Amino acid sequence: MAGTANDSVTARRTVQYDISGVLNPTLIATTGAPGTTYRLLRDGAPKFFLKIDEGTTTNWLDLTLGAFALTGAVNIGTGAQILKSIILGVLQLRTITPGTNIIINQNSNDIQISHNTNEIWYPIQLITNTNVFETIWTYTIPANQSEQIGVRIVGRKADGSHHSLFERIGLFYNESGTAIAEHQWHSSATIKSDPNLDIRYQLSGGVFTLQVKSLNSDTYYWKGQVYRIGLNTL
């Protein structure tokens, strides 16, 4: 690339320079009067200053560079690829969308990906062999807060001959200072092939306890998920 500049002291000069290193351009050739020194200095892309120094006379000339041609781009590292393609020198980038319980915030200089703390899922599992209720999961409801708690759980006999599927959704409230705890399942579904299997909850002092029951002497495997939503924080 070549640039030309006029100054008030000397005739027209032509300067050739290499701008491949944007942070530190390198002067590669000059033409002009003997003893003339040229330096190309960066002052923010794409503007540079050409300094012409001839003895005691120093002139600053603005030199505005044209647009840089995009020669390529590539995804590096592992994982999902943000770069999709380059079409006519324009980068085509994929956008990021949130999945279940994921929040994406676009800030001035970054993109923040976080978990939605209003809804949290917990895996649960237990092995039982008695006909009394045993605790499989507990949670302390914060004071003066309402919660929606949902349960999906399967109890299965070790040999696979019997099983039961339970789904429950309930609303629960813990009021501080008065020891009042309001609660109820408002949605209930059960698919049973073994009537001896059962689940229940207890709520005492703001502590929610989920329990399961099987049979004496038979081994049962319980596995499922519990989710909770803090209704006060929506």
Foldseek 3Di string as FASTA:
>chain_A
DKDWDDDDPFGIWIFDWACPPVQATGGDDTDDDPPWDWDWADDDPPKIWIWIDDPPDIDIDIDHDDDDADDDDDADDDDDGQFDDADPRRTDGDDDDDDPQWDWDDDPPDIDIDGNPQKDKDKWKDKDAAQDKDWTDKDFDDAFWKKKKKWWKKKAFPVRPWIKIKIWIKIWGHHPPPQDIDMDTPDIDMDTPDPSKDKDWDAGNRMITIIIGHHHPTMMMMITMMMMGTPVVD
